[in-house]
N, C-alpha and C. Protein backbone atom coordinates (compact mmCIF):
# COMPACT_ATOMS: atom_id res chain seq x y z
N MET A 1 22.87 0.91 2.97
CA MET A 1 21.94 0.08 3.71
C MET A 1 22.26 0.17 5.20
N GLU A 2 21.27 0.47 5.99
CA GLU A 2 21.47 0.64 7.43
C GLU A 2 21.53 -0.73 8.11
N THR A 3 22.47 -0.89 9.02
CA THR A 3 22.62 -2.13 9.76
C THR A 3 21.68 -2.10 10.96
N SER A 4 21.09 -3.25 11.25
CA SER A 4 20.22 -3.40 12.41
C SER A 4 20.99 -3.04 13.67
N PRO A 5 20.38 -2.31 14.61
CA PRO A 5 21.07 -1.99 15.86
C PRO A 5 21.53 -3.24 16.60
N PHE A 6 20.69 -4.26 16.61
CA PHE A 6 21.06 -5.49 17.29
C PHE A 6 22.24 -6.15 16.60
N LEU A 7 22.22 -6.18 15.28
CA LEU A 7 23.30 -6.80 14.51
C LEU A 7 24.62 -6.09 14.73
N ARG A 8 24.57 -4.78 14.88
CA ARG A 8 25.80 -4.01 15.16
C ARG A 8 26.43 -4.43 16.47
N HIS A 9 25.59 -4.79 17.45
CA HIS A 9 26.09 -5.14 18.79
C HIS A 9 26.58 -6.58 18.87
N VAL A 10 26.23 -7.41 17.92
CA VAL A 10 26.61 -8.83 18.00
C VAL A 10 27.51 -9.25 16.85
N GLY A 11 27.97 -8.29 16.07
CA GLY A 11 28.78 -8.59 14.90
C GLY A 11 30.08 -9.33 15.20
N HIS A 12 30.56 -9.26 16.41
CA HIS A 12 31.81 -9.93 16.77
C HIS A 12 31.61 -11.42 17.09
N HIS A 13 30.36 -11.86 17.17
CA HIS A 13 30.06 -13.27 17.40
C HIS A 13 30.26 -14.05 16.10
N PRO A 14 30.51 -15.35 16.19
CA PRO A 14 30.72 -16.14 14.97
C PRO A 14 29.46 -16.20 14.12
N SER A 15 29.65 -16.40 12.82
CA SER A 15 28.55 -16.57 11.88
C SER A 15 28.59 -17.97 11.31
N ARG A 16 27.43 -18.39 10.83
CA ARG A 16 27.34 -19.70 10.18
C ARG A 16 26.56 -19.56 8.88
N SER A 17 27.02 -20.26 7.85
CA SER A 17 26.35 -20.24 6.55
C SER A 17 25.40 -21.43 6.44
N PHE A 18 24.25 -21.19 5.82
CA PHE A 18 23.25 -22.22 5.59
C PHE A 18 22.92 -22.24 4.10
N GLU A 19 22.84 -23.42 3.54
CA GLU A 19 22.47 -23.58 2.13
C GLU A 19 20.96 -23.46 1.98
N ALA A 20 20.50 -23.13 0.77
CA ALA A 20 19.06 -23.08 0.50
C ALA A 20 18.43 -24.41 0.87
N GLY A 21 17.34 -24.36 1.62
CA GLY A 21 16.65 -25.57 2.06
C GLY A 21 17.13 -26.12 3.38
N GLU A 22 18.25 -25.64 3.88
CA GLU A 22 18.80 -26.14 5.14
C GLU A 22 18.09 -25.51 6.34
N ALA A 23 17.79 -26.34 7.33
CA ALA A 23 17.11 -25.86 8.54
C ALA A 23 18.11 -25.19 9.48
N VAL A 24 17.75 -24.03 9.95
CA VAL A 24 18.51 -23.33 10.98
C VAL A 24 18.03 -23.82 12.34
N ILE A 25 16.72 -23.89 12.49
CA ILE A 25 16.05 -24.33 13.71
C ILE A 25 14.95 -25.29 13.28
N VAL A 26 14.74 -26.36 14.05
CA VAL A 26 13.70 -27.34 13.72
C VAL A 26 12.67 -27.36 14.83
N GLN A 27 11.41 -27.18 14.46
CA GLN A 27 10.31 -27.19 15.41
C GLN A 27 10.35 -28.46 16.26
N GLY A 28 10.17 -28.28 17.56
CA GLY A 28 10.13 -29.41 18.48
C GLY A 28 11.49 -29.84 19.00
N HIS A 29 12.56 -29.31 18.43
CA HIS A 29 13.91 -29.67 18.87
C HIS A 29 14.49 -28.56 19.74
N SER A 30 15.43 -28.92 20.56
CA SER A 30 16.13 -27.95 21.39
C SER A 30 16.94 -27.03 20.48
N VAL A 31 16.93 -25.74 20.78
CA VAL A 31 17.63 -24.77 19.94
C VAL A 31 19.03 -24.53 20.49
N GLY A 32 19.11 -24.04 21.70
CA GLY A 32 20.41 -23.82 22.33
C GLY A 32 21.07 -22.51 22.00
N ASP A 33 20.96 -22.03 20.77
CA ASP A 33 21.62 -20.79 20.35
C ASP A 33 20.60 -19.76 19.90
N LEU A 34 21.05 -18.53 19.82
CA LEU A 34 20.27 -17.43 19.28
C LEU A 34 20.85 -17.13 17.91
N TYR A 35 20.01 -16.90 16.91
CA TYR A 35 20.46 -16.65 15.54
C TYR A 35 19.97 -15.29 15.08
N ILE A 36 20.85 -14.57 14.36
CA ILE A 36 20.51 -13.28 13.81
C ILE A 36 20.84 -13.31 12.33
N LEU A 37 19.86 -13.01 11.50
CA LEU A 37 20.06 -13.04 10.05
C LEU A 37 20.98 -11.91 9.62
N VAL A 38 22.04 -12.26 8.91
CA VAL A 38 22.99 -11.29 8.38
C VAL A 38 22.69 -11.05 6.90
N SER A 39 22.50 -12.14 6.16
CA SER A 39 22.20 -12.03 4.73
C SER A 39 21.44 -13.26 4.29
N GLY A 40 20.79 -13.15 3.14
CA GLY A 40 20.00 -14.26 2.62
C GLY A 40 18.54 -14.08 2.97
N ALA A 41 17.80 -15.17 2.93
CA ALA A 41 16.37 -15.14 3.24
C ALA A 41 15.99 -16.46 3.90
N VAL A 42 15.06 -16.38 4.84
CA VAL A 42 14.58 -17.56 5.55
C VAL A 42 13.06 -17.55 5.60
N GLU A 43 12.51 -18.72 5.87
CA GLU A 43 11.08 -18.82 6.13
C GLU A 43 10.88 -19.41 7.52
N ILE A 44 9.77 -19.03 8.14
CA ILE A 44 9.41 -19.55 9.45
C ILE A 44 8.13 -20.35 9.26
N VAL A 45 8.18 -21.64 9.63
CA VAL A 45 7.08 -22.57 9.40
C VAL A 45 6.71 -23.23 10.72
N ARG A 46 5.43 -23.28 11.01
CA ARG A 46 4.95 -23.98 12.20
C ARG A 46 3.84 -24.93 11.78
N ASP A 47 3.99 -26.20 12.13
CA ASP A 47 2.99 -27.21 11.77
C ASP A 47 2.67 -27.18 10.28
N ASP A 48 3.69 -27.09 9.46
CA ASP A 48 3.59 -27.08 7.99
C ASP A 48 2.88 -25.85 7.43
N VAL A 49 2.72 -24.81 8.21
CA VAL A 49 2.11 -23.56 7.75
C VAL A 49 3.18 -22.49 7.79
N ARG A 50 3.42 -21.83 6.65
CA ARG A 50 4.39 -20.75 6.63
C ARG A 50 3.82 -19.55 7.35
N LEU A 51 4.51 -19.13 8.40
CA LEU A 51 4.09 -17.96 9.16
C LEU A 51 4.66 -16.68 8.57
N ALA A 52 5.90 -16.79 8.07
CA ALA A 52 6.56 -15.59 7.53
C ALA A 52 7.76 -16.00 6.71
N LYS A 53 8.22 -15.06 5.92
CA LYS A 53 9.53 -15.18 5.27
C LYS A 53 10.16 -13.81 5.35
N THR A 54 11.49 -13.79 5.46
CA THR A 54 12.17 -12.51 5.61
C THR A 54 13.58 -12.57 5.04
N SER A 55 14.02 -11.41 4.60
CA SER A 55 15.41 -11.24 4.19
C SER A 55 15.99 -10.03 4.91
N GLU A 56 15.30 -9.59 5.96
CA GLU A 56 15.72 -8.39 6.70
C GLU A 56 16.86 -8.71 7.67
N ALA A 57 18.00 -8.12 7.41
CA ALA A 57 19.16 -8.33 8.29
C ALA A 57 18.82 -7.86 9.70
N GLY A 58 19.23 -8.66 10.68
CA GLY A 58 18.99 -8.30 12.08
C GLY A 58 17.82 -9.02 12.70
N VAL A 59 17.05 -9.76 11.91
CA VAL A 59 15.93 -10.50 12.47
C VAL A 59 16.49 -11.62 13.36
N ILE A 60 15.85 -11.82 14.51
CA ILE A 60 16.33 -12.74 15.54
C ILE A 60 15.48 -14.00 15.55
N PHE A 61 16.14 -15.15 15.72
CA PHE A 61 15.46 -16.44 15.82
C PHE A 61 15.99 -17.21 17.02
N GLY A 62 15.11 -17.95 17.68
CA GLY A 62 15.51 -18.78 18.81
C GLY A 62 15.34 -18.09 20.15
N GLU A 63 14.86 -16.84 20.15
CA GLU A 63 14.74 -16.10 21.41
C GLU A 63 13.67 -16.69 22.32
N MET A 64 12.57 -17.17 21.76
CA MET A 64 11.52 -17.75 22.61
C MET A 64 12.03 -19.01 23.29
N SER A 65 12.71 -19.86 22.55
CA SER A 65 13.27 -21.08 23.14
C SER A 65 14.28 -20.75 24.23
N ALA A 66 15.11 -19.75 23.95
CA ALA A 66 16.13 -19.36 24.93
C ALA A 66 15.49 -18.83 26.21
N LEU A 67 14.48 -18.01 26.06
CA LEU A 67 13.86 -17.40 27.24
C LEU A 67 12.96 -18.37 28.00
N LEU A 68 12.30 -19.26 27.28
CA LEU A 68 11.39 -20.20 27.92
C LEU A 68 12.05 -21.51 28.32
N GLY A 69 13.27 -21.73 27.82
CA GLY A 69 13.94 -23.00 28.08
C GLY A 69 13.17 -24.15 27.47
N ALA A 70 12.59 -23.92 26.30
CA ALA A 70 11.73 -24.90 25.66
C ALA A 70 12.23 -25.23 24.25
N ALA A 71 11.66 -26.26 23.68
CA ALA A 71 11.98 -26.62 22.31
C ALA A 71 11.46 -25.54 21.36
N ALA A 72 11.98 -25.56 20.16
CA ALA A 72 11.58 -24.57 19.14
C ALA A 72 10.10 -24.70 18.82
N SER A 73 9.42 -23.57 18.73
CA SER A 73 8.00 -23.56 18.41
C SER A 73 7.75 -23.50 16.91
N ALA A 74 8.81 -23.32 16.13
CA ALA A 74 8.68 -23.26 14.67
C ALA A 74 10.01 -23.67 14.04
N THR A 75 9.95 -23.98 12.75
CA THR A 75 11.14 -24.28 11.97
C THR A 75 11.56 -23.03 11.22
N VAL A 76 12.85 -22.76 11.21
CA VAL A 76 13.42 -21.66 10.42
C VAL A 76 14.31 -22.33 9.39
N LYS A 77 14.04 -22.04 8.10
CA LYS A 77 14.78 -22.69 7.03
C LYS A 77 15.25 -21.65 6.03
N ALA A 78 16.49 -21.82 5.55
CA ALA A 78 17.03 -20.91 4.54
C ALA A 78 16.30 -21.12 3.22
N LEU A 79 15.85 -20.02 2.62
CA LEU A 79 15.21 -20.08 1.30
C LEU A 79 16.27 -19.98 0.19
N VAL A 80 17.31 -19.26 0.47
CA VAL A 80 18.47 -19.08 -0.40
C VAL A 80 19.68 -19.19 0.52
N PRO A 81 20.88 -19.29 -0.02
CA PRO A 81 22.03 -19.30 0.90
C PRO A 81 21.93 -18.12 1.88
N ALA A 82 22.15 -18.41 3.15
CA ALA A 82 21.98 -17.40 4.20
C ALA A 82 23.13 -17.48 5.19
N VAL A 83 23.43 -16.33 5.77
CA VAL A 83 24.45 -16.24 6.83
C VAL A 83 23.75 -15.70 8.07
N LEU A 84 23.96 -16.38 9.20
CA LEU A 84 23.37 -15.95 10.46
C LEU A 84 24.45 -15.89 11.52
N THR A 85 24.41 -14.83 12.32
CA THR A 85 25.29 -14.73 13.48
C THR A 85 24.74 -15.67 14.54
N VAL A 86 25.63 -16.36 15.23
CA VAL A 86 25.24 -17.34 16.24
C VAL A 86 25.71 -16.87 17.61
N ILE A 87 24.76 -16.78 18.55
CA ILE A 87 25.11 -16.44 19.92
C ILE A 87 24.87 -17.68 20.77
N GLU A 88 25.97 -18.26 21.23
CA GLU A 88 25.88 -19.42 22.11
C GLU A 88 25.53 -18.94 23.52
N ASN A 89 24.92 -19.79 24.29
CA ASN A 89 24.50 -19.46 25.66
C ASN A 89 23.69 -18.15 25.68
N PRO A 90 22.58 -18.13 24.95
CA PRO A 90 21.82 -16.87 24.83
C PRO A 90 21.30 -16.31 26.14
N ARG A 91 20.94 -17.16 27.10
CA ARG A 91 20.47 -16.63 28.39
C ARG A 91 21.58 -15.84 29.08
N ASP A 92 22.78 -16.40 29.10
CA ASP A 92 23.92 -15.69 29.69
C ASP A 92 24.18 -14.39 28.95
N PHE A 93 24.12 -14.45 27.63
CA PHE A 93 24.33 -13.25 26.81
C PHE A 93 23.31 -12.17 27.17
N LEU A 94 22.03 -12.54 27.24
CA LEU A 94 20.99 -11.55 27.51
C LEU A 94 21.08 -11.00 28.94
N ILE A 95 21.51 -11.83 29.88
CA ILE A 95 21.67 -11.36 31.26
C ILE A 95 22.78 -10.32 31.35
N THR A 96 23.83 -10.51 30.59
CA THR A 96 25.00 -9.62 30.69
C THR A 96 25.00 -8.48 29.68
N HIS A 97 23.99 -8.40 28.82
CA HIS A 97 23.91 -7.34 27.80
C HIS A 97 22.52 -6.70 27.85
N PRO A 98 22.32 -5.75 28.77
CA PRO A 98 20.98 -5.17 28.96
C PRO A 98 20.41 -4.48 27.72
N GLU A 99 21.22 -3.83 26.93
CA GLU A 99 20.70 -3.14 25.74
C GLU A 99 20.14 -4.14 24.73
N GLU A 100 20.84 -5.25 24.55
CA GLU A 100 20.37 -6.29 23.65
C GLU A 100 19.14 -6.98 24.22
N SER A 101 19.10 -7.16 25.54
CA SER A 101 17.92 -7.74 26.19
C SER A 101 16.70 -6.87 25.99
N LEU A 102 16.87 -5.57 26.10
CA LEU A 102 15.77 -4.64 25.88
C LEU A 102 15.28 -4.73 24.44
N TYR A 103 16.19 -4.85 23.50
CA TYR A 103 15.82 -4.98 22.09
C TYR A 103 14.96 -6.23 21.88
N VAL A 104 15.37 -7.36 22.47
CA VAL A 104 14.60 -8.60 22.35
C VAL A 104 13.24 -8.43 23.03
N ALA A 105 13.19 -7.79 24.19
CA ALA A 105 11.92 -7.56 24.88
C ALA A 105 10.99 -6.70 24.03
N GLU A 106 11.53 -5.67 23.40
CA GLU A 106 10.72 -4.81 22.52
C GLU A 106 10.20 -5.60 21.33
N LEU A 107 11.04 -6.44 20.75
CA LEU A 107 10.63 -7.28 19.63
C LEU A 107 9.46 -8.18 20.04
N LEU A 108 9.59 -8.84 21.18
CA LEU A 108 8.53 -9.72 21.66
C LEU A 108 7.27 -8.94 22.00
N ALA A 109 7.42 -7.75 22.55
CA ALA A 109 6.25 -6.92 22.87
C ALA A 109 5.51 -6.52 21.60
N HIS A 110 6.23 -6.19 20.54
CA HIS A 110 5.59 -5.85 19.25
C HIS A 110 4.83 -7.05 18.70
N ARG A 111 5.43 -8.24 18.79
CA ARG A 111 4.75 -9.45 18.31
C ARG A 111 3.48 -9.71 19.11
N LEU A 112 3.58 -9.58 20.42
CA LEU A 112 2.42 -9.81 21.28
C LEU A 112 1.32 -8.79 20.99
N ASP A 113 1.70 -7.54 20.79
CA ASP A 113 0.72 -6.51 20.47
C ASP A 113 0.02 -6.83 19.15
N SER A 114 0.77 -7.26 18.16
CA SER A 114 0.17 -7.62 16.87
C SER A 114 -0.79 -8.79 17.02
N LEU A 115 -0.39 -9.79 17.81
CA LEU A 115 -1.26 -10.93 18.04
C LEU A 115 -2.53 -10.52 18.76
N ASN A 116 -2.40 -9.66 19.76
CA ASN A 116 -3.59 -9.18 20.48
C ASN A 116 -4.54 -8.44 19.54
N ARG A 117 -4.00 -7.55 18.70
CA ARG A 117 -4.84 -6.81 17.76
C ARG A 117 -5.54 -7.76 16.79
N TYR A 118 -4.82 -8.78 16.33
CA TYR A 118 -5.39 -9.75 15.41
C TYR A 118 -6.53 -10.53 16.08
N LEU A 119 -6.29 -11.00 17.30
CA LEU A 119 -7.32 -11.76 18.00
C LEU A 119 -8.56 -10.92 18.29
N VAL A 120 -8.37 -9.67 18.64
CA VAL A 120 -9.51 -8.79 18.87
C VAL A 120 -10.29 -8.60 17.57
N ASP A 121 -9.58 -8.43 16.47
CA ASP A 121 -10.23 -8.28 15.17
C ASP A 121 -11.03 -9.53 14.81
N VAL A 122 -10.44 -10.71 14.99
CA VAL A 122 -11.13 -11.96 14.70
C VAL A 122 -12.36 -12.08 15.59
N LYS A 123 -12.19 -11.79 16.87
CA LYS A 123 -13.31 -11.90 17.80
C LYS A 123 -14.44 -10.95 17.40
N SER A 124 -14.12 -9.72 17.03
CA SER A 124 -15.16 -8.77 16.68
C SER A 124 -15.86 -9.16 15.38
N GLN A 125 -15.14 -9.78 14.45
CA GLN A 125 -15.75 -10.20 13.19
C GLN A 125 -16.70 -11.37 13.37
N TYR A 126 -16.39 -12.23 14.36
CA TYR A 126 -17.19 -13.44 14.53
C TYR A 126 -17.90 -13.49 15.88
N GLU A 127 -18.20 -12.35 16.42
CA GLU A 127 -18.89 -12.28 17.72
C GLU A 127 -20.18 -13.08 17.65
N GLY A 128 -20.41 -13.89 18.68
CA GLY A 128 -21.63 -14.68 18.75
C GLY A 128 -21.51 -16.07 18.16
N HIS A 129 -20.42 -16.39 17.53
CA HIS A 129 -20.22 -17.74 16.99
C HIS A 129 -19.57 -18.61 18.06
N ASP A 130 -20.17 -19.74 18.36
CA ASP A 130 -19.70 -20.61 19.44
C ASP A 130 -18.29 -21.14 19.24
N HIS A 131 -17.88 -21.37 18.01
CA HIS A 131 -16.58 -22.00 17.76
C HIS A 131 -15.39 -21.11 18.10
N LEU A 132 -15.64 -19.88 18.48
CA LEU A 132 -14.53 -18.98 18.81
C LEU A 132 -14.34 -18.78 20.30
N GLY A 133 -14.86 -19.68 21.11
CA GLY A 133 -14.66 -19.60 22.56
C GLY A 133 -13.18 -19.62 22.92
N MET A 134 -12.40 -20.29 22.09
CA MET A 134 -10.97 -20.36 22.35
C MET A 134 -10.31 -18.98 22.24
N VAL A 135 -10.82 -18.11 21.39
CA VAL A 135 -10.26 -16.77 21.27
C VAL A 135 -10.35 -16.04 22.59
N ASP A 136 -11.48 -16.20 23.29
CA ASP A 136 -11.62 -15.59 24.62
C ASP A 136 -10.55 -16.11 25.57
N GLU A 137 -10.32 -17.42 25.53
CA GLU A 137 -9.31 -18.01 26.40
C GLU A 137 -7.92 -17.48 26.08
N VAL A 138 -7.60 -17.38 24.80
CA VAL A 138 -6.28 -16.88 24.40
C VAL A 138 -6.13 -15.42 24.82
N LEU A 139 -7.13 -14.59 24.54
CA LEU A 139 -7.06 -13.18 24.94
C LEU A 139 -6.92 -13.04 26.45
N ASP A 140 -7.67 -13.84 27.19
CA ASP A 140 -7.59 -13.79 28.64
C ASP A 140 -6.19 -14.14 29.12
N SER A 141 -5.62 -15.19 28.55
CA SER A 141 -4.28 -15.60 28.99
C SER A 141 -3.22 -14.59 28.59
N LEU A 142 -3.41 -13.90 27.46
CA LEU A 142 -2.42 -12.92 27.02
C LEU A 142 -2.49 -11.62 27.81
N THR A 143 -3.68 -11.28 28.28
CA THR A 143 -3.82 -9.96 28.88
C THR A 143 -3.99 -9.94 30.39
N HIS A 144 -4.38 -11.06 30.99
CA HIS A 144 -4.71 -10.99 32.41
C HIS A 144 -3.91 -11.90 33.31
N ARG A 145 -3.50 -13.02 32.83
CA ARG A 145 -2.85 -13.99 33.71
C ARG A 145 -1.34 -13.99 33.52
N PRO A 146 -0.61 -13.59 34.55
CA PRO A 146 0.85 -13.70 34.43
C PRO A 146 1.25 -15.16 34.45
N HIS A 147 2.24 -15.49 33.65
CA HIS A 147 2.75 -16.85 33.62
C HIS A 147 3.60 -17.08 34.87
N PRO A 148 3.34 -18.17 35.59
CA PRO A 148 4.15 -18.39 36.79
C PRO A 148 5.62 -18.59 36.43
N LYS A 149 6.47 -18.07 37.27
CA LYS A 149 7.91 -18.22 37.05
C LYS A 149 8.28 -19.68 37.23
N ARG A 150 9.07 -20.16 36.30
CA ARG A 150 9.55 -21.53 36.40
C ARG A 150 10.87 -21.55 37.14
N PRO A 151 11.07 -22.57 37.96
CA PRO A 151 12.38 -22.67 38.63
C PRO A 151 13.47 -22.95 37.61
N ARG A 152 14.61 -22.38 37.81
CA ARG A 152 15.75 -22.59 36.91
C ARG A 152 16.79 -23.44 37.57
């Protein structure tokens, strides 16, 4: 089994075990750390809707909160006993580890690309329906308007 490139670079960081049903990250709460799945399986839930489940070693959680300095946008919960590597002070870590920062940037770029493709597909399927005006707003914000830098 091939180890995730990111996981190989952070293997020296401490790990934490989570029991089945235990929350790793709770939506709306401060995260503080970056988590990387080593083993087990987790689900990602936002507003009581399951967005995904994964057992893929190397998957990263908490990166959006770390980069935006915001509360968690979703809950991550262990489906079975799981082990996750924990990176404390993730902003400092990403600033001092450019290869890992690039990996996180690529991950986020892939997610954004998938979301853009999905929104375009939805818009094309429902073109002319008034209730999808919000899709135009979301696409516009994703593709044209840079987010202003927040003071740190």
